[in-house]
Amino acid sequence: MTMDLTQVLDSMESAVKLRSRAQAERRAEEAQKERQEFQEKLMRAAASEVELDGMASKIKGKTDAVQRDQLMGLMMAGF
């Protein structure tokens, strides 16, 4: 009777340990997945920022060119 009870308790303890280990592994996998998703979002945000900076630079360059052309036009007209 005592041997049977010991086996049952050992079996239950083993099951609890396995379940706990499986839960810990699942949490670790979920944390890794969330970390990767966050890094991807950061990369997309950085790429968007670079793209926006490029667009702003291009627009500023065009604005500067228009002002230069207007100034040259005024100078050519004798003002």
PDB file of N, CA and C in Angstrom:
ATOM      1  N   MET A   1       0.824  -1.190   0.000  1.00  0.00           N
ATOM      2  CA  MET A   1       0.000   0.000   0.000  1.00  0.00           C
ATOM      3  C   MET A   1       0.874   1.262   0.000  1.00  0.00           C
ATOM      4  N   THR A   2       1.910   1.274   0.827  1.00  0.00           N
ATOM      5  CA  THR A   2       2.798   2.429   0.895  1.00  0.00           C
ATOM      6  C   THR A   2       3.564   2.594  -0.401  1.00  0.00           C
ATOM      7  N   MET A   3       3.953   1.492  -1.016  1.00  0.00           N
ATOM      8  CA  MET A   3       4.675   1.549  -2.294  1.00  0.00           C
ATOM      9  C   MET A   3       3.793   2.127  -3.387  1.00  0.00           C
ATOM     10  N   ASP A   4       2.520   1.729  -3.396  1.00  0.00           N
ATOM     11  CA  ASP A   4       1.595   2.244  -4.402  1.00  0.00           C
ATOM     12  C   ASP A   4       1.407   3.746  -4.239  1.00  0.00           C
ATOM     13  N   LEU A   5       1.276   4.185  -2.999  1.00  0.00           N
ATOM     14  CA  LEU A   5       1.091   5.600  -2.717  1.00  0.00           C
ATOM     15  C   LEU A   5       2.339   6.389  -3.112  1.00  0.00           C
ATOM     16  N   THR A   6       3.508   5.841  -2.855  1.00  0.00           N
ATOM     17  CA  THR A   6       4.763   6.481  -3.239  1.00  0.00           C
ATOM     18  C   THR A   6       4.852   6.597  -4.755  1.00  0.00           C
ATOM     19  N   GLN A   7       4.469   5.570  -5.465  1.00  0.00           N
ATOM     20  CA  GLN A   7       4.500   5.607  -6.931  1.00  0.00           C
ATOM     21  C   GLN A   7       3.528   6.656  -7.476  1.00  0.00           C
ATOM     22  N   VAL A   8       2.354   6.716  -6.865  1.00  0.00           N
ATOM     23  CA  VAL A   8       1.357   7.701  -7.302  1.00  0.00           C
ATOM     24  C   VAL A   8       1.894   9.114  -7.064  1.00  0.00           C
ATOM     25  N   LEU A   9       2.475   9.337  -5.891  1.00  0.00           N
ATOM     26  CA  LEU A   9       3.013  10.660  -5.590  1.00  0.00           C
ATOM     27  C   LEU A   9       4.171  11.014  -6.512  1.00  0.00           C
ATOM     28  N   ASP A  10       5.047  10.057  -6.782  1.00  0.00           N
ATOM     29  CA  ASP A  10       6.158  10.299  -7.711  1.00  0.00           C
ATOM     30  C   ASP A  10       5.635  10.619  -9.110  1.00  0.00           C
ATOM     31  N   SER A  11       4.619   9.895  -9.522  1.00  0.00           N
ATOM     32  CA  SER A  11       4.020  10.121 -10.838  1.00  0.00           C
ATOM     33  C   SER A  11       3.391  11.517 -10.912  1.00  0.00           C
ATOM     34  N   MET A  12       2.684  11.894  -9.855  1.00  0.00           N
ATOM     35  CA  MET A  12       2.054  13.215  -9.827  1.00  0.00           C
ATOM     36  C   MET A  12       3.114  14.314  -9.838  1.00  0.00           C
ATOM     37  N   GLU A  13       4.177  14.110  -9.049  1.00  0.00           N
ATOM     38  CA  GLU A  13       5.254  15.089  -9.010  1.00  0.00           C
ATOM     39  C   GLU A  13       5.910  15.235 -10.386  1.00  0.00           C
ATOM     40  N   SER A  14       6.127  14.128 -11.045  1.00  0.00           N
ATOM     41  CA  SER A  14       6.718  14.149 -12.380  1.00  0.00           C
ATOM     42  C   SER A  14       5.811  14.876 -13.366  1.00  0.00           C
ATOM     43  N   ALA A  15       4.516  14.623 -13.285  1.00  0.00           N
ATOM     44  CA  ALA A  15       3.561  15.277 -14.181  1.00  0.00           C
ATOM     45  C   ALA A  15       3.547  16.787 -13.954  1.00  0.00           C
ATOM     46  N   VAL A  16       3.600  17.201 -12.703  1.00  0.00           N
ATOM     47  CA  VAL A  16       3.604  18.629 -12.380  1.00  0.00           C
ATOM     48  C   VAL A  16       4.868  19.286 -12.920  1.00  0.00           C
ATOM     49  N   LYS A  17       6.010  18.613 -12.751  1.00  0.00           N
ATOM     50  CA  LYS A  17       7.271  19.151 -13.253  1.00  0.00           C
ATOM     51  C   LYS A  17       7.243  19.280 -14.773  1.00  0.00           C
ATOM     52  N   LEU A  18       6.738  18.256 -15.451  1.00  0.00           N
ATOM     53  CA  LEU A  18       6.662  18.303 -16.914  1.00  0.00           C
ATOM     54  C   LEU A  18       5.745  19.422 -17.385  1.00  0.00           C
ATOM     55  N   ARG A  19       4.604  19.566 -16.717  1.00  0.00           N
ATOM     56  CA  ARG A  19       3.651  20.614 -17.093  1.00  0.00           C
ATOM     57  C   ARG A  19       4.272  21.987 -16.864  1.00  0.00           C
ATOM     58  N   SER A  20       4.966  22.139 -15.755  1.00  0.00           N
ATOM     59  CA  SER A  20       5.613  23.417 -15.449  1.00  0.00           C
ATOM     60  C   SER A  20       6.691  23.736 -16.484  1.00  0.00           C
ATOM     61  N   ARG A  21       7.467  22.740 -16.852  1.00  0.00           N
ATOM     62  CA  ARG A  21       8.525  22.937 -17.852  1.00  0.00           C
ATOM     63  C   ARG A  21       7.919  23.314 -19.207  1.00  0.00           C
ATOM     64  N   ALA A  22       6.836  22.655 -19.566  1.00  0.00           N
ATOM     65  CA  ALA A  22       6.174  22.953 -20.844  1.00  0.00           C
ATOM     66  C   ALA A  22       5.633  24.378 -20.851  1.00  0.00           C
ATOM     67  N   GLN A  23       5.049  24.806 -19.738  1.00  0.00           N
ATOM     68  CA  GLN A  23       4.536  26.176 -19.651  1.00  0.00           C
ATOM     69  C   GLN A  23       5.670  27.190 -19.745  1.00  0.00           C
ATOM     70  N   ALA A  24       6.780  26.897 -19.100  1.00  0.00           N
ATOM     71  CA  ALA A  24       7.931  27.805 -19.149  1.00  0.00           C
ATOM     72  C   ALA A  24       8.464  27.902 -20.574  1.00  0.00           C
ATOM     73  N   GLU A  25       8.531  26.786 -21.276  1.00  0.00           N
ATOM     74  CA  GLU A  25       9.000  26.801 -22.666  1.00  0.00           C
ATOM     75  C   GLU A  25       8.048  27.592 -23.554  1.00  0.00           C
ATOM     76  N   ARG A  26       6.742  27.419 -23.331  1.00  0.00           N
ATOM     77  CA  ARG A  26       5.750  28.172 -24.115  1.00  0.00           C
ATOM     78  C   ARG A  26       5.895  29.667 -23.867  1.00  0.00           C
ATOM     79  N   ARG A  27       6.060  30.040 -22.602  1.00  0.00           N
ATOM     80  CA  ARG A  27       6.241  31.471 -22.276  1.00  0.00           C
ATOM     81  C   ARG A  27       7.503  32.015 -22.926  1.00  0.00           C
ATOM     82  N   ALA A  28       8.563  31.235 -22.911  1.00  0.00           N
ATOM     83  CA  ALA A  28       9.818  31.677 -23.535  1.00  0.00           C
ATOM     84  C   ALA A  28       9.643  31.845 -25.041  1.00  0.00           C
ATOM     85  N   GLU A  29       8.934  30.927 -25.680  1.00  0.00           N
ATOM     86  CA  GLU A  29       8.694  31.032 -27.125  1.00  0.00           C
ATOM     87  C   GLU A  29       7.840  32.252 -27.443  1.00  0.00           C
ATOM     88  N   GLU A  30       6.815  32.499 -26.624  1.00  0.00           N
ATOM     89  CA  GLU A  30       5.961  33.668 -26.842  1.00  0.00           C
ATOM     90  C   GLU A  30       6.751  34.964 -26.646  1.00  0.00           C
ATOM     91  N   ALA A  31       7.605  34.990 -25.641  1.00  0.00           N
ATOM     92  CA  ALA A  31       8.426  36.180 -25.399  1.00  0.00           C
ATOM     93  C   ALA A  31       9.370  36.418 -26.570  1.00  0.00           C
ATOM     94  N   GLN A  32       9.950  35.357 -27.106  1.00  0.00           N
ATOM     95  CA  GLN A  32      10.853  35.486 -28.255  1.00  0.00           C
ATOM     96  C   GLN A  32      10.088  35.996 -29.475  1.00  0.00           C
ATOM     97  N   LYS A  33       8.895  35.465 -29.680  1.00  0.00           N
ATOM     98  CA  LYS A  33       8.077  35.901 -30.818  1.00  0.00           C
ATOM     99  C   LYS A  33       7.717  37.380 -30.679  1.00  0.00           C
ATOM    100  N   GLU A  34       7.310  37.794 -29.481  1.00  0.00           N
ATOM    101  CA  GLU A  34       6.970  39.202 -29.258  1.00  0.00           C
ATOM    102  C   GLU A  34       8.193  40.094 -29.455  1.00  0.00           C
ATOM    103  N   ARG A  35       9.346  39.628 -29.031  1.00  0.00           N
ATOM    104  CA  ARG A  35      10.582  40.396 -29.209  1.00  0.00           C
ATOM    105  C   ARG A  35      10.894  40.578 -30.689  1.00  0.00           C
ATOM    106  N   GLN A  36      10.736  39.510 -31.460  1.00  0.00           N
ATOM    107  CA  GLN A  36      10.987  39.597 -32.902  1.00  0.00           C
ATOM    108  C   GLN A  36      10.006  40.542 -33.577  1.00  0.00           C
ATOM    109  N   GLU A  37       8.722  40.462 -33.184  1.00  0.00           N
ATOM    110  CA  GLU A  37       7.721  41.359 -33.757  1.00  0.00           C
ATOM    111  C   GLU A  37       8.042  42.809 -33.425  1.00  0.00           C
ATOM    112  N   PHE A  38       8.478  43.058 -32.194  1.00  0.00           N
ATOM    113  CA  PHE A  38       8.831  44.413 -31.787  1.00  0.00           C
ATOM    114  C   PHE A  38      10.023  44.922 -32.587  1.00  0.00           C
ATOM    115  N   GLN A  39      11.021  44.082 -32.784  1.00  0.00           N
ATOM    116  CA  GLN A  39      12.188  44.480 -33.567  1.00  0.00           C
ATOM    117  C   GLN A  39      11.797  44.775 -35.013  1.00  0.00           C
ATOM    118  N   GLU A  40      10.872  43.978 -35.567  1.00  0.00           N
ATOM    119  CA  GLU A  40      10.403  44.239 -36.935  1.00  0.00           C
ATOM    120  C   GLU A  40       9.694  45.584 -37.004  1.00  0.00           C
ATOM    121  N   LYS A  41       8.894  45.889 -35.993  1.00  0.00           N
ATOM    122  CA  LYS A  41       8.207  47.188 -35.963  1.00  0.00           C
ATOM    123  C   LYS A  41       9.216  48.327 -35.877  1.00  0.00           C
ATOM    124  N   LEU A  42      10.245  48.145 -35.054  1.00  0.00           N
ATOM    125  CA  LEU A  42      11.278  49.176 -34.957  1.00  0.00           C
ATOM    126  C   LEU A  42      11.981  49.373 -36.296  1.00  0.00           C
ATOM    127  N   MET A  43      12.270  48.275 -36.977  1.00  0.00           N
ATOM    128  CA  MET A  43      12.937  48.361 -38.284  1.00  0.00           C
ATOM    129  C   MET A  43      12.047  49.089 -39.291  1.00  0.00           C
ATOM    130  N   ARG A  44      10.746  48.764 -39.293  1.00  0.00           N
ATOM    131  CA  ARG A  44       9.822  49.443 -40.209  1.00  0.00           C
ATOM    132  C   ARG A  44       9.733  50.929 -39.879  1.00  0.00           C
ATOM    133  N   ALA A  45       9.699  51.246 -38.584  1.00  0.00           N
ATOM    134  CA  ALA A  45       9.639  52.652 -38.172  1.00  0.00           C
ATOM    135  C   ALA A  45      10.903  53.392 -38.611  1.00  0.00           C
ATOM    136  N   ALA A  46      12.044  52.754 -38.448  1.00  0.00           N
ATOM    137  CA  ALA A  46      13.303  53.384 -38.858  1.00  0.00           C
ATOM    138  C   ALA A  46      13.327  53.581 -40.371  1.00  0.00           C
ATOM    139  N   ALA A  47      12.851  52.579 -41.107  1.00  0.00           N
ATOM    140  CA  ALA A  47      12.814  52.700 -42.568  1.00  0.00           C
ATOM    141  C   ALA A  47      11.862  53.820 -42.980  1.00  0.00           C
ATOM    142  N   SER A  48      10.739  53.919 -42.303  1.00  0.00           N
ATOM    143  CA  SER A  48       9.784  54.991 -42.605  1.00  0.00           C
ATOM    144  C   SER A  48      10.395  56.357 -42.320  1.00  0.00           C
ATOM    145  N   GLU A  49      11.142  56.445 -41.221  1.00  0.00           N
ATOM    146  CA  GLU A  49      11.777  57.719 -40.876  1.00  0.00           C
ATOM    147  C   GLU A  49      12.804  58.117 -41.935  1.00  0.00           C
ATOM    148  N   VAL A  50      13.584  57.160 -42.384  1.00  0.00           N
ATOM    149  CA  VAL A  50      14.584  57.441 -43.427  1.00  0.00           C
ATOM    150  C   VAL A  50      13.875  57.876 -44.710  1.00  0.00           C
ATOM    151  N   GLU A  51      12.782  57.183 -45.039  1.00  0.00           N
ATOM    152  CA  GLU A  51      12.030  57.532 -46.245  1.00  0.00           C
ATOM    153  C   GLU A  51      11.451  58.939 -46.124  1.00  0.00           C
ATOM    154  N   LEU A  52      10.891  59.255 -44.953  1.00  0.00           N
ATOM    155  CA  LEU A  52      10.336  60.598 -44.748  1.00  0.00           C
ATOM    156  C   LEU A  52      11.422  61.665 -44.813  1.00  0.00           C
ATOM    157  N   ASP A  53      12.579  61.380 -44.226  1.00  0.00           N
ATOM    158  CA  ASP A  53      13.686  62.334 -44.297  1.00  0.00           C
ATOM    159  C   ASP A  53      14.117  62.565 -45.747  1.00  0.00           C
ATOM    160  N   GLY A  54      14.149  61.493 -46.529  1.00  0.00           N
ATOM    161  CA  GLY A  54      14.501  61.616 -47.940  1.00  0.00           C
ATOM    162  C   GLY A  54      13.491  62.456 -48.700  1.00  0.00           C
ATOM    163  N   MET A  55      12.209  62.215 -48.419  1.00  0.00           N
ATOM    164  CA  MET A  55      11.162  62.987 -49.090  1.00  0.00           C
ATOM    165  C   MET A  55      11.255  64.463 -48.700  1.00  0.00           C
ATOM    166  N   ALA A  56      11.492  64.731 -47.411  1.00  0.00           N
ATOM    167  CA  ALA A  56      11.605  66.116 -46.947  1.00  0.00           C
ATOM    168  C   ALA A  56      12.794  66.798 -47.606  1.00  0.00           C
ATOM    169  N   SER A  57      13.895  66.079 -47.717  1.00  0.00           N
ATOM    170  CA  SER A  57      15.088  66.637 -48.357  1.00  0.00           C
ATOM    171  C   SER A  57      14.816  66.941 -49.827  1.00  0.00           C
ATOM    172  N   LYS A  58      14.121  66.030 -50.489  1.00  0.00           N
ATOM    173  CA  LYS A  58      13.802  66.228 -51.902  1.00  0.00           C
ATOM    174  C   LYS A  58      12.891  67.450 -52.080  1.00  0.00           C
ATOM    175  N   ILE A  59      11.910  67.579 -51.208  1.00  0.00           N
ATOM    176  CA  ILE A  59      10.993  68.719 -51.293  1.00  0.00           C
ATOM    177  C   ILE A  59      11.747  70.022 -51.021  1.00  0.00           C
ATOM    178  N   LYS A  60      12.616  69.996 -50.003  1.00  0.00           N
ATOM    179  CA  LYS A  60      13.407  71.197 -49.704  1.00  0.00           C
ATOM    180  C   LYS A  60      14.291  71.563 -50.884  1.00  0.00           C
ATOM    181  N   GLY A  61      14.882  70.551 -51.517  1.00  0.00           N
ATOM    182  CA  GLY A  61      15.722  70.805 -52.687  1.00  0.00           C
ATOM    183  C   GLY A  61      14.919  71.439 -53.816  1.00  0.00           C
ATOM    184  N   LYS A  62      13.707  70.954 -54.035  1.00  0.00           N
ATOM    185  CA  LYS A  62      12.863  71.517 -55.091  1.00  0.00           C
ATOM    186  C   LYS A  62      12.455  72.947 -54.752  1.00  0.00           C
ATOM    187  N   THR A  63      12.152  73.183 -53.475  1.00  0.00           N
ATOM    188  CA  THR A  63      11.784  74.541 -53.049  1.00  0.00           C
ATOM    189  C   THR A  63      12.961  75.492 -53.245  1.00  0.00           C
ATOM    190  N   ASP A  64      14.146  75.029 -52.864  1.00  0.00           N
ATOM    191  CA  ASP A  64      15.343  75.853 -53.053  1.00  0.00           C
ATOM    192  C   ASP A  64      15.583  76.131 -54.535  1.00  0.00           C
ATOM    193  N   ALA A  65      15.348  75.140 -55.374  1.00  0.00           N
ATOM    194  CA  ALA A  65      15.547  75.318 -56.817  1.00  0.00           C
ATOM    195  C   ALA A  65      14.562  76.347 -57.371  1.00  0.00           C
ATOM    196  N   VAL A  66      13.325  76.295 -56.912  1.00  0.00           N
ATOM    197  CA  VAL A  66      12.315  77.260 -57.366  1.00  0.00           C
ATOM    198  C   VAL A  66      12.726  78.666 -56.942  1.00  0.00           C
ATOM    199  N   GLN A  67      13.160  78.812 -55.708  1.00  0.00           N
ATOM    200  CA  GLN A  67      13.592  80.136 -55.235  1.00  0.00           C
ATOM    201  C   GLN A  67      14.803  80.629 -56.028  1.00  0.00           C
ATOM    202  N   ARG A  68      15.722  79.745 -56.307  1.00  0.00           N
ATOM    203  CA  ARG A  68      16.902  80.120 -57.090  1.00  0.00           C
ATOM    204  C   ARG A  68      16.485  80.567 -58.486  1.00  0.00           C
ATOM    205  N   ASP A  69      15.579  79.801 -59.096  1.00  0.00           N
ATOM    206  CA  ASP A  69      15.114  80.152 -60.442  1.00  0.00           C
ATOM    207  C   ASP A  69      14.395  81.495 -60.435  1.00  0.00           C
ATOM    208  N   GLN A  70      13.608  81.751 -59.393  1.00  0.00           N
ATOM    209  CA  GLN A  70      12.912  83.036 -59.310  1.00  0.00           C
ATOM    210  C   GLN A  70      13.914  84.181 -59.145  1.00  0.00           C
ATOM    211  N   LEU A  71      14.907  83.962 -58.287  1.00  0.00           N
ATOM    212  CA  LEU A  71      15.932  84.979 -58.092  1.00  0.00           C
ATOM    213  C   LEU A  71      16.694  85.252 -59.378  1.00  0.00           C
ATOM    214  N   MET A  72      17.045  84.181 -60.112  1.00  0.00           N
ATOM    215  CA  MET A  72      17.745  84.348 -61.386  1.00  0.00           C
ATOM    216  C   MET A  72      16.857  85.096 -62.383  1.00  0.00           C
ATOM    217  N   GLY A  73      15.574  84.797 -62.368  1.00  0.00           N
ATOM    218  CA  GLY A  73      14.648  85.504 -63.250  1.00  0.00           C
ATOM    219  C   GLY A  73      14.573  86.972 -62.946  1.00  0.00           C
ATOM    220  N   LEU A  74      14.541  87.295 -61.656  1.00  0.00           N
ATOM    221  CA  LEU A  74      14.514  88.695 -61.254  1.00  0.00           C
ATOM    222  C   LEU A  74      15.805  89.408 -61.617  1.00  0.00           C
ATOM    223  N   MET A  75      16.919  88.716 -61.429  1.00  0.00           N
ATOM    224  CA  MET A  75      18.210  89.320 -61.761  1.00  0.00           C
ATOM    225  C   MET A  75      18.325  89.550 -63.269  1.00  0.00           C
ATOM    226  N   MET A  76      17.819  88.613 -64.065  1.00  0.00           N
ATOM    227  CA  MET A  76      17.880  88.731 -65.527  1.00  0.00           C
ATOM    228  C   MET A  76      16.955  89.842 -66.013  1.00  0.00           C
ATOM    229  N   ALA A  77      15.871  90.062 -65.259  1.00  0.00           N
ATOM    230  CA  ALA A  77      14.928  91.106 -65.673  1.00  0.00           C
ATOM    231  C   ALA A  77      15.420  92.487 -65.266  1.00  0.00           C
ATOM    232  N   GLY A  78      16.472  92.537 -64.486  1.00  0.00           N
ATOM    233  CA  GLY A  78      17.051  93.825 -64.140  1.00  0.00           C
ATOM    234  C   GLY A  78      16.572  94.379 -62.826  1.00  0.00           C
ATOM    235  N   PHE A  79      15.988  93.585 -62.001  1.00  0.00           N
ATOM    236  CA  PHE A  79      15.532  94.098 -60.700  1.00  0.00           C
ATOM    237  C   PHE A  79      16.610  94.044 -59.685  1.00  0.00           C
TER     238      PHE A  79
END
